[in-house]
Amino acid sequence: IKGTRAKANPLAESEKMVVETDDFKSFVKTMEALIEKHGEERKNFLKLVDTLQERIFVLENQLNLLKAPTTKKWFEFWR
């Protein structure tokens, strides 16, 4: 593209990013908390999925039970 120039690197080669020990410890603590929270949410989600599967199974069975009597007419009970 005409007239565009590459943007300068925000961190020049002479500049260095310094990470202090406290910063790293804080980062690690935050990551551990996020991982723990993710695990809890995953467990809750799996419980929800299991509950929904059970309810769907029960509803399907109830529907099948409701459909069963319609195979015969009410006056054909002696067959």
PDB file of N, CA and C in Angstrom:
ATOM      1  N   ILE A   1       0.857  -1.170   0.000  1.00  0.00           N
ATOM      2  CA  ILE A   1       0.000   0.000   0.000  1.00  0.00           C
ATOM      3  C   ILE A   1       0.897   1.224   0.000  1.00  0.00           C
ATOM      4  N   LYS A   2       0.551   2.158  -0.835  1.00  0.00           N
ATOM      5  CA  LYS A   2       1.361   3.358  -0.985  1.00  0.00           C
ATOM      6  C   LYS A   2       1.265   4.259   0.231  1.00  0.00           C
ATOM      7  N   GLY A   3       2.365   4.817   0.619  1.00  0.00           N
ATOM      8  CA  GLY A   3       2.374   5.812   1.674  1.00  0.00           C
ATOM      9  C   GLY A   3       2.304   5.251   3.084  1.00  0.00           C
ATOM     10  N   THR A   4       2.354   3.948   3.247  1.00  0.00           N
ATOM     11  CA  THR A   4       2.330   3.392   4.604  1.00  0.00           C
ATOM     12  C   THR A   4       3.744   3.046   5.018  1.00  0.00           C
ATOM     13  N   ARG A   5       3.973   3.217   6.262  1.00  0.00           N
ATOM     14  CA  ARG A   5       5.294   2.882   6.803  1.00  0.00           C
ATOM     15  C   ARG A   5       5.106   1.897   7.938  1.00  0.00           C
ATOM     16  N   ALA A   6       6.092   1.100   8.145  1.00  0.00           N
ATOM     17  CA  ALA A   6       6.043   0.160   9.261  1.00  0.00           C
ATOM     18  C   ALA A   6       6.094   0.950  10.555  1.00  0.00           C
ATOM     19  N   LYS A   7       5.243   0.568  11.493  1.00  0.00           N
ATOM     20  CA  LYS A   7       5.231   1.256  12.780  1.00  0.00           C
ATOM     21  C   LYS A   7       6.439   0.824  13.593  1.00  0.00           C
ATOM     22  N   ALA A   8       6.935   1.743  14.364  1.00  0.00           N
ATOM     23  CA  ALA A   8       8.093   1.442  15.203  1.00  0.00           C
ATOM     24  C   ALA A   8       7.686   0.458  16.293  1.00  0.00           C
ATOM     25  N   ASN A   9       8.596  -0.389  16.661  1.00  0.00           N
ATOM     26  CA  ASN A   9       8.374  -1.359  17.726  1.00  0.00           C
ATOM     27  C   ASN A   9       8.168  -0.599  19.031  1.00  0.00           C
ATOM     28  N   PRO A  10       7.096  -0.870  19.763  1.00  0.00           N
ATOM     29  CA  PRO A  10       6.860  -0.133  21.005  1.00  0.00           C
ATOM     30  C   PRO A  10       7.988  -0.332  22.018  1.00  0.00           C
ATOM     31  N   LEU A  11       8.580  -1.493  22.014  1.00  0.00           N
ATOM     32  CA  LEU A  11       9.741  -1.715  22.877  1.00  0.00           C
ATOM     33  C   LEU A  11      10.972  -1.724  21.980  1.00  0.00           C
ATOM     34  N   ALA A  12      11.707  -0.667  22.047  1.00  0.00           N
ATOM     35  CA  ALA A  12      12.920  -0.607  21.238  1.00  0.00           C
ATOM     36  C   ALA A  12      13.888  -1.674  21.727  1.00  0.00           C
ATOM     37  N   GLU A  13      14.803  -2.043  20.860  1.00  0.00           N
ATOM     38  CA  GLU A  13      15.740  -3.102  21.225  1.00  0.00           C
ATOM     39  C   GLU A  13      16.570  -2.729  22.442  1.00  0.00           C
ATOM     40  N   SER A  14      16.819  -1.461  22.629  1.00  0.00           N
ATOM     41  CA  SER A  14      17.638  -1.053  23.772  1.00  0.00           C
ATOM     42  C   SER A  14      16.849  -1.142  25.083  1.00  0.00           C
ATOM     43  N   GLU A  15      15.517  -1.036  24.991  1.00  0.00           N
ATOM     44  CA  GLU A  15      14.693  -1.131  26.195  1.00  0.00           C
ATOM     45  C   GLU A  15      14.411  -2.596  26.491  1.00  0.00           C
ATOM     46  N   LYS A  16      14.377  -2.924  27.775  1.00  0.00           N
ATOM     47  CA  LYS A  16      14.068  -4.294  28.168  1.00  0.00           C
ATOM     48  C   LYS A  16      12.915  -4.267  29.151  1.00  0.00           C
ATOM     49  N   MET A  17      12.063  -5.257  29.053  1.00  0.00           N
ATOM     50  CA  MET A  17      10.962  -5.368  29.989  1.00  0.00           C
ATOM     51  C   MET A  17      11.473  -6.127  31.205  1.00  0.00           C
ATOM     52  N   VAL A  18      11.252  -5.559  32.361  1.00  0.00           N
ATOM     53  CA  VAL A  18      11.713  -6.180  33.596  1.00  0.00           C
ATOM     54  C   VAL A  18      10.503  -6.731  34.333  1.00  0.00           C
ATOM     55  N   VAL A  19      10.587  -7.996  34.708  1.00  0.00           N
ATOM     56  CA  VAL A  19       9.523  -8.634  35.469  1.00  0.00           C
ATOM     57  C   VAL A  19      10.064  -8.918  36.853  1.00  0.00           C
ATOM     58  N   GLU A  20       9.456  -8.290  37.817  1.00  0.00           N
ATOM     59  CA  GLU A  20       9.883  -8.479  39.201  1.00  0.00           C
ATOM     60  C   GLU A  20       9.321  -9.790  39.740  1.00  0.00           C
ATOM     61  N   THR A  21       9.922 -10.281  40.798  1.00  0.00           N
ATOM     62  CA  THR A  21       9.481 -11.525  41.423  1.00  0.00           C
ATOM     63  C   THR A  21       8.052 -11.397  41.933  1.00  0.00           C
ATOM     64  N   ASP A  22       7.746 -10.261  42.544  1.00  0.00           N
ATOM     65  CA  ASP A  22       6.390 -10.050  43.065  1.00  0.00           C
ATOM     66  C   ASP A  22       5.356 -10.052  41.940  1.00  0.00           C
ATOM     67  N   ASP A  23       5.726  -9.465  40.800  1.00  0.00           N
ATOM     68  CA  ASP A  23       4.821  -9.460  39.650  1.00  0.00           C
ATOM     69  C   ASP A  23       4.543 -10.883  39.179  1.00  0.00           C
ATOM     70  N   PHE A  24       5.602 -11.689  39.116  1.00  0.00           N
ATOM     71  CA  PHE A  24       5.443 -13.063  38.657  1.00  0.00           C
ATOM     72  C   PHE A  24       4.611 -13.875  39.646  1.00  0.00           C
ATOM     73  N   LYS A  25       4.846 -13.673  40.940  1.00  0.00           N
ATOM     74  CA  LYS A  25       4.067 -14.386  41.959  1.00  0.00           C
ATOM     75  C   LYS A  25       2.592 -14.001  41.867  1.00  0.00           C
ATOM     76  N   SER A  26       2.340 -12.730  41.652  1.00  0.00           N
ATOM     77  CA  SER A  26       0.963 -12.265  41.504  1.00  0.00           C
ATOM     78  C   SER A  26       0.310 -12.895  40.272  1.00  0.00           C
ATOM     79  N   PHE A  27       1.064 -12.967  39.188  1.00  0.00           N
ATOM     80  CA  PHE A  27       0.564 -13.588  37.962  1.00  0.00           C
ATOM     81  C   PHE A  27       0.249 -15.064  38.189  1.00  0.00           C
ATOM     82  N   VAL A  28       1.148 -15.765  38.863  1.00  0.00           N
ATOM     83  CA  VAL A  28       0.944 -17.192  39.136  1.00  0.00           C
ATOM     84  C   VAL A  28      -0.291 -17.389  40.006  1.00  0.00           C
ATOM     85  N   LYS A  29      -0.447 -16.544  41.023  1.00  0.00           N
ATOM     86  CA  LYS A  29      -1.609 -16.649  41.914  1.00  0.00           C
ATOM     87  C   LYS A  29      -2.907 -16.412  41.134  1.00  0.00           C
ATOM     88  N   THR A  30      -2.890 -15.431  40.255  1.00  0.00           N
ATOM     89  CA  THR A  30      -4.065 -15.137  39.439  1.00  0.00           C
ATOM     90  C   THR A  30      -4.391 -16.300  38.508  1.00  0.00           C
ATOM     91  N   MET A  31      -3.367 -16.869  37.887  1.00  0.00           N
ATOM     92  CA  MET A  31      -3.579 -18.005  36.988  1.00  0.00           C
ATOM     93  C   MET A  31      -4.119 -19.216  37.744  1.00  0.00           C
ATOM     94  N   GLU A  32      -3.600 -19.476  38.936  1.00  0.00           N
ATOM     95  CA  GLU A  32      -4.094 -20.598  39.741  1.00  0.00           C
ATOM     96  C   GLU A  32      -5.563 -20.397  40.106  1.00  0.00           C
ATOM     97  N   ALA A  33      -5.917 -19.158  40.454  1.00  0.00           N
ATOM     98  CA  ALA A  33      -7.315 -18.865  40.782  1.00  0.00           C
ATOM     99  C   ALA A  33      -8.213 -19.071  39.559  1.00  0.00           C
ATOM    100  N   LEU A  34      -7.742 -18.640  38.390  1.00  0.00           N
ATOM    101  CA  LEU A  34      -8.523 -18.820  37.163  1.00  0.00           C
ATOM    102  C   LEU A  34      -8.704 -20.297  36.829  1.00  0.00           C
ATOM    103  N   ILE A  35      -7.643 -21.071  36.991  1.00  0.00           N
ATOM    104  CA  ILE A  35      -7.718 -22.506  36.695  1.00  0.00           C
ATOM    105  C   ILE A  35      -8.665 -23.196  37.667  1.00  0.00           C
ATOM    106  N   GLU A  36      -8.592 -22.820  38.941  1.00  0.00           N
ATOM    107  CA  GLU A  36      -9.491 -23.405  39.939  1.00  0.00           C
ATOM    108  C   GLU A  36     -10.946 -23.057  39.630  1.00  0.00           C
ATOM    109  N   LYS A  37     -11.194 -21.803  39.294  1.00  0.00           N
ATOM    110  CA  LYS A  37     -12.550 -21.363  38.958  1.00  0.00           C
ATOM    111  C   LYS A  37     -13.062 -22.100  37.720  1.00  0.00           C
ATOM    112  N   HIS A  38     -12.189 -22.270  36.743  1.00  0.00           N
ATOM    113  CA  HIS A  38     -12.567 -22.989  35.525  1.00  0.00           C
ATOM    114  C   HIS A  38     -12.956 -24.431  35.858  1.00  0.00           C
ATOM    115  N   GLY A  39     -12.199 -25.066  36.732  1.00  0.00           N
ATOM    116  CA  GLY A  39     -12.515 -26.436  37.139  1.00  0.00           C
ATOM    117  C   GLY A  39     -13.869 -26.531  37.816  1.00  0.00           C
ATOM    118  N   GLU A  40     -14.161 -25.578  38.695  1.00  0.00           N
ATOM    119  CA  GLU A  40     -15.464 -25.558  39.377  1.00  0.00           C
ATOM    120  C   GLU A  40     -16.599 -25.364  38.377  1.00  0.00           C
ATOM    121  N   GLU A  41     -16.410 -24.436  37.444  1.00  0.00           N
ATOM    122  CA  GLU A  41     -17.448 -24.177  36.451  1.00  0.00           C
ATOM    123  C   GLU A  41     -17.645 -25.384  35.541  1.00  0.00           C
ATOM    124  N   ARG A  42     -16.564 -26.087  35.234  1.00  0.00           N
ATOM    125  CA  ARG A  42     -16.662 -27.290  34.404  1.00  0.00           C
ATOM    126  C   ARG A  42     -17.463 -28.370  35.130  1.00  0.00           C
ATOM    127  N   LYS A  43     -17.193 -28.549  36.428  1.00  0.00           N
ATOM    128  CA  LYS A  43     -17.944 -29.537  37.209  1.00  0.00           C
ATOM    129  C   LYS A  43     -19.425 -29.177  37.244  1.00  0.00           C
ATOM    130  N   ASN A  44     -19.718 -27.897  37.470  1.00  0.00           N
ATOM    131  CA  ASN A  44     -21.117 -27.455  37.503  1.00  0.00           C
ATOM    132  C   ASN A  44     -21.797 -27.677  36.153  1.00  0.00           C
ATOM    133  N   PHE A  45     -21.074 -27.408  35.081  1.00  0.00           N
ATOM    134  CA  PHE A  45     -21.634 -27.605  33.745  1.00  0.00           C
ATOM    135  C   PHE A  45     -21.924 -29.083  33.495  1.00  0.00           C
ATOM    136  N   LEU A  46     -21.005 -29.954  33.899  1.00  0.00           N
ATOM    137  CA  LEU A  46     -21.219 -31.387  33.698  1.00  0.00           C
ATOM    138  C   LEU A  46     -22.393 -31.892  34.532  1.00  0.00           C
ATOM    139  N   LYS A  47     -22.558 -31.349  35.749  1.00  0.00           N
ATOM    140  CA  LYS A  47     -23.725 -31.707  36.561  1.00  0.00           C
ATOM    141  C   LYS A  47     -25.012 -31.281  35.852  1.00  0.00           C
ATOM    142  N   LEU A  48     -25.001 -30.088  35.290  1.00  0.00           N
ATOM    143  CA  LEU A  48     -26.167 -29.586  34.565  1.00  0.00           C
ATOM    144  C   LEU A  48     -26.492 -30.480  33.376  1.00  0.00           C
ATOM    145  N   VAL A  49     -25.473 -30.859  32.619  1.00  0.00           N
ATOM    146  CA  VAL A  49     -25.689 -31.722  31.457  1.00  0.00           C
ATOM    147  C   VAL A  49     -26.257 -33.070  31.895  1.00  0.00           C
ATOM    148  N   ASP A  50     -25.710 -33.644  32.967  1.00  0.00           N
ATOM    149  CA  ASP A  50     -26.229 -34.920  33.475  1.00  0.00           C
ATOM    150  C   ASP A  50     -27.690 -34.795  33.900  1.00  0.00           C
ATOM    151  N   THR A  51     -28.005 -33.716  34.602  1.00  0.00           N
ATOM    152  CA  THR A  51     -29.385 -33.494  35.044  1.00  0.00           C
ATOM    153  C   THR A  51     -30.327 -33.371  33.850  1.00  0.00           C
ATOM    154  N   LEU A  52     -29.906 -32.616  32.846  1.00  0.00           N
ATOM    155  CA  LEU A  52     -30.746 -32.453  31.657  1.00  0.00           C
ATOM    156  C   LEU A  52     -30.933 -33.777  30.922  1.00  0.00           C
ATOM    157  N   GLN A  53     -29.869 -34.582  30.843  1.00  0.00           N
ATOM    158  CA  GLN A  53     -29.995 -35.888  30.190  1.00  0.00           C
ATOM    159  C   GLN A  53     -30.990 -36.775  30.929  1.00  0.00           C
ATOM    160  N   GLU A  54     -30.918 -36.766  32.258  1.00  0.00           N
ATOM    161  CA  GLU A  54     -31.852 -37.572  33.047  1.00  0.00           C
ATOM    162  C   GLU A  54     -33.290 -37.105  32.842  1.00  0.00           C
ATOM    163  N   ARG A  55     -33.496 -35.803  32.842  1.00  0.00           N
ATOM    164  CA  ARG A  55     -34.857 -35.279  32.660  1.00  0.00           C
ATOM    165  C   ARG A  55     -35.397 -35.597  31.275  1.00  0.00           C
ATOM    166  N   ILE A  56     -34.542 -35.491  30.274  1.00  0.00           N
ATOM    167  CA  ILE A  56     -34.971 -35.822  28.915  1.00  0.00           C
ATOM    168  C   ILE A  56     -35.336 -37.299  28.830  1.00  0.00           C
ATOM    169  N   PHE A  57     -34.547 -38.151  29.465  1.00  0.00           N
ATOM    170  CA  PHE A  57     -34.835 -39.587  29.475  1.00  0.00           C
ATOM    171  C   PHE A  57     -36.190 -39.862  30.126  1.00  0.00           C
ATOM    172  N   VAL A  58     -36.443 -39.207  31.256  1.00  0.00           N
ATOM    173  CA  VAL A  58     -37.725 -39.384  31.949  1.00  0.00           C
ATOM    174  C   VAL A  58     -38.878 -38.900  31.076  1.00  0.00           C
ATOM    175  N   LEU A  59     -38.712 -37.748  30.450  1.00  0.00           N
ATOM    176  CA  LEU A  59     -39.777 -37.218  29.592  1.00  0.00           C
ATOM    177  C   LEU A  59     -40.038 -38.123  28.387  1.00  0.00           C
ATOM    178  N   GLU A  60     -38.971 -38.673  27.804  1.00  0.00           N
ATOM    179  CA  GLU A  60     -39.159 -39.596  26.683  1.00  0.00           C
ATOM    180  C   GLU A  60     -39.937 -40.829  27.122  1.00  0.00           C
ATOM    181  N   ASN A  61     -39.600 -41.347  28.297  1.00  0.00           N
ATOM    182  CA  ASN A  61     -40.330 -42.508  28.810  1.00  0.00           C
ATOM    183  C   ASN A  61     -41.797 -42.174  29.064  1.00  0.00           C
ATOM    184  N   GLN A  62     -42.056 -41.001  29.611  1.00  0.00           N
ATOM    185  CA  GLN A  62     -43.441 -40.595  29.853  1.00  0.00           C
ATOM    186  C   GLN A  62     -44.210 -40.456  28.540  1.00  0.00           C
ATOM    187  N   LEU A  63     -43.555 -39.892  27.530  1.00  0.00           N
ATOM    188  CA  LEU A  63     -44.207 -39.782  26.223  1.00  0.00           C
ATOM    189  C   LEU A  63     -44.513 -41.154  25.642  1.00  0.00           C
ATOM    190  N   ASN A  64     -43.578 -42.072  25.771  1.00  0.00           N
ATOM    191  CA  ASN A  64     -43.814 -43.427  25.260  1.00  0.00           C
ATOM    192  C   ASN A  64     -44.959 -44.101  25.997  1.00  0.00           C
ATOM    193  N   LEU A  65     -45.056 -43.866  27.300  1.00  0.00           N
ATOM    194  CA  LEU A  65     -46.164 -44.446  28.061  1.00  0.00           C
ATOM    195  C   LEU A  65     -47.497 -43.834  27.648  1.00  0.00           C
ATOM    196  N   LEU A  66     -47.486 -42.555  27.338  1.00  0.00           N
ATOM    197  CA  LEU A  66     -48.722 -41.909  26.897  1.00  0.00           C
ATOM    198  C   LEU A  66     -49.127 -42.371  25.499  1.00  0.00           C
ATOM    199  N   LYS A  67     -48.155 -42.688  24.663  1.00  0.00           N
ATOM    200  CA  LYS A  67     -48.457 -43.144  23.310  1.00  0.00           C
ATOM    201  C   LYS A  67     -48.956 -44.585  23.293  1.00  0.00           C
ATOM    202  N   ALA A  68     -48.539 -45.396  24.227  1.00  0.00           N
ATOM    203  CA  ALA A  68     -48.841 -46.828  24.213  1.00  0.00           C
ATOM    204  C   ALA A  68     -50.333 -47.137  24.167  1.00  0.00           C
ATOM    205  N   PRO A  69     -51.177 -46.532  24.974  1.00  0.00           N
ATOM    206  CA  PRO A  69     -52.600 -46.899  24.949  1.00  0.00           C
ATOM    207  C   PRO A  69     -53.310 -46.539  23.651  1.00  0.00           C
ATOM    208  N   THR A  70     -52.775 -45.685  22.848  1.00  0.00           N
ATOM    209  CA  THR A  70     -53.459 -45.267  21.626  1.00  0.00           C
ATOM    210  C   THR A  70     -53.425 -46.337  20.544  1.00  0.00           C
ATOM    211  N   THR A  71     -52.711 -47.446  20.776  1.00  0.00           N
ATOM    212  CA  THR A  71     -52.662 -48.485  19.751  1.00  0.00           C
ATOM    213  C   THR A  71     -53.987 -49.236  19.650  1.00  0.00           C
ATOM    214  N   LYS A  72     -54.754 -49.276  20.730  1.00  0.00           N
ATOM    215  CA  LYS A  72     -56.055 -49.950  20.711  1.00  0.00           C
ATOM    216  C   LYS A  72     -57.151 -48.930  21.012  1.00  0.00           C
ATOM    217  N   LYS A  73     -58.291 -49.207  20.467  1.00  0.00           N
ATOM    218  CA  LYS A  73     -59.453 -48.377  20.785  1.00  0.00           C
ATOM    219  C   LYS A  73     -59.978 -48.765  22.158  1.00  0.00           C
ATOM    220  N   TRP A  74     -60.726 -47.900  22.771  1.00  0.00           N
ATOM    221  CA  TRP A  74     -61.205 -48.174  24.131  1.00  0.00           C
ATOM    222  C   TRP A  74     -62.122 -49.388  24.188  1.00  0.00           C
ATOM    223  N   PHE A  75     -62.822 -49.647  23.092  1.00  0.00           N
ATOM    224  CA  PHE A  75     -63.748 -50.782  23.099  1.00  0.00           C
ATOM    225  C   PHE A  75     -63.077 -52.102  22.704  1.00  0.00           C
ATOM    226  N   GLU A  76     -61.771 -52.085  22.414  1.00  0.00           N
ATOM    227  CA  GLU A  76     -61.057 -53.301  22.040  1.00  0.00           C
ATOM    228  C   GLU A  76     -60.281 -53.888  23.217  1.00  0.00           C
ATOM    229  N   PHE A  77     -60.715 -53.629  24.412  1.00  0.00           N
ATOM    230  CA  PHE A  77     -59.965 -54.083  25.585  1.00  0.00           C
ATOM    231  C   PHE A  77     -59.931 -55.597  25.717  1.00  0.00           C
ATOM    232  N   TRP A  78     -60.896 -56.318  25.101  1.00  0.00           N
ATOM    233  CA  TRP A  78     -60.921 -57.779  25.244  1.00  0.00           C
ATOM    234  C   TRP A  78     -59.933 -58.481  24.320  1.00  0.00           C
ATOM    235  N   ARG A  79     -59.317 -57.770  23.400  1.00  0.00           N
ATOM    236  CA  ARG A  79     -58.364 -58.403  22.487  1.00  0.00           C
ATOM    237  C   ARG A  79     -57.018 -58.551  23.104  1.00  0.00           C
TER     238      ARG A  79
END
